[in-house]
Amino acid sequence: MKKMDRRRFLRTSLLGAASVSPLSALLGMLPEAQAADSGGGYKALVCVLLEGGADVFNMVVPAHGAAYQAYADVRGSMALSRTTLLPLDMVPDQDGVKYGFHPVMSRMQALFNQQKLAVVANVGTLVQPVTRAEVLDGAPVPNQLFSHNTQRDQWMTADAAVRQKAGWAARMADVFDPAEPLFNLTSGGKNLMQQGGAKPAFEFDEGGIYAFDDYYAFRNDGALGETYRQLLQHDTGHANRLIRAFAHRRSNNIDMFNALSGVLEDAPDFPGFSTGVHESGTPLGTQLLAVARMLSARSKFPNRPQRQVFFVNYHGWDTHNTPLDGGSHLLGYLDESLGAFQDALVQLGLEQQVTTFTCSDFGRSITPNGAGTDHGWGGHAFVMGGAVKGGAIYGRMPAIRRNSPDAIDDRAVPAIAVEQYFSRLAAWFGATPAELDVIFPNLYRFSASGLDFMDSSLLFANGFE
């Protein structure tokens, strides 16, 4: 009850603010809007980062006519044969153009045609809505476009206008429940999206609960181990703030490890995950299998949190020299892993309650460089789950052709901001329009319409049309 009172106060305070986003403006058109309800059934978001910049323009391809010919002309030897594209049952078509998936994306094609997967077209980092002409005329754009680290950070913070210290999932945790230590969880390592909030993201790995293997805490061969153990007793009383903070964090880690020990002992087996594809970092299948196991044990977690955000990281998408051809392990493995994960959610009865979504550093260049494609700007994202209004492409696809009117220097200018994309997921999670303005401080610059890729009845309940 205390949590809901705090959030009602937050909502009331925000509605009195001077700047009101289009999302917040909708609040006044509806009956009394409800504060986000974290008690209305369990929900989880699973973020799949395609680190390096995925070449989505060879993942979703015009399937016929002049649009395909323009794509084939500009992509040259990298162009996929029209006859190999996997057909999509799209409703409606994009300006009369049908699209197909890359030939290795059979699981994702099946989920799309079952209306359990959607494409969000041409998403990217934006300071404000811009067109190609406006950018050429000097409109503001994000800092260090085409830079891996900077652009990935702006995706993780969901704000290209101001450098944020906290990621958007961390801010969302603070809005929903700043005291919950298991709101944000990661099997993909530390990441900015989940950092900077009241509670750090809880790390776990393929072995289950994150192994607390602090070397010094368990040394018994001298004064160093004893000194370290004494430090852990000073989480509240030591005069040195640094020692207090260190001891407090480490003590919390130990307490959480002890509280969660054994919760995965009865986790079911989930077939179909391949954990043997080894690029830089832990294989995607291994990470998603770990997420599925954690989801299976959610009722055993302390406080039984009703909202959780999981993060996984699939490295290796910087395709300067490795085009996404038919033999690419990256795309086929992504397809296989997402399909296996969705099967696991069905097995757990969580298909409607868990939504999986992708993001990447940026898209790639429309024109190949001779061996692959270079750093770009806008790109497509995929959203998967039973609550997704799948079988459709949301937003407007850029023209993939020479001298594209939707590109600058051969890089697609995003038509949808990162904030718009992520805010729809946060709204499905239960955030009100006023709370979305806290989670996404730059959201007020962008329109709220046209991105209804989540169940519309759930969105309407939270103040969306």
Foldseek 3Di string as FASTA:
>chain_A
DVLQVVLVVLLVVLLPDPFAFQLRVLCVVDPNAGAFDLPPFFFEEEEEEAEQAAACCQFKDFQDDPLNVQLCVQAPPLRDDSVQFAFFLFVPDFVPTGIGGHNLQVLQRVQQNVQFKEKAAFEFAAQFFDFPVVVVVPDDGAPPAQDRVRLQQCLLQQHRNDRDQAGLQQLLCQSNPQVDQFQEEEQADDDRNQPDHSHGHQYQYLVAHNDPCPPLCPDDPDVSNVVVVVLLVQLPPDPDPVSVVVSVVVVVNVVQCVLCPPLLVPQDDQPQQDQPDDDPGGAPSSRLRNVLSCVLSLCSHVVSGRHHYYYHYHYDNNPLQPAPHPPDPRSSNVSSSVSSSCVSCVVSVCQQRYKYKYDYSAHFFLHHPVRYTGRATIGMMMMGGPQFSHSYYFDHHFRSRPPTSQGDPRHGDGNHYSLQVVVLVSLLSRHASSSSCSSNVSNSSDHNPGPPGGNVVSNVSRSHD
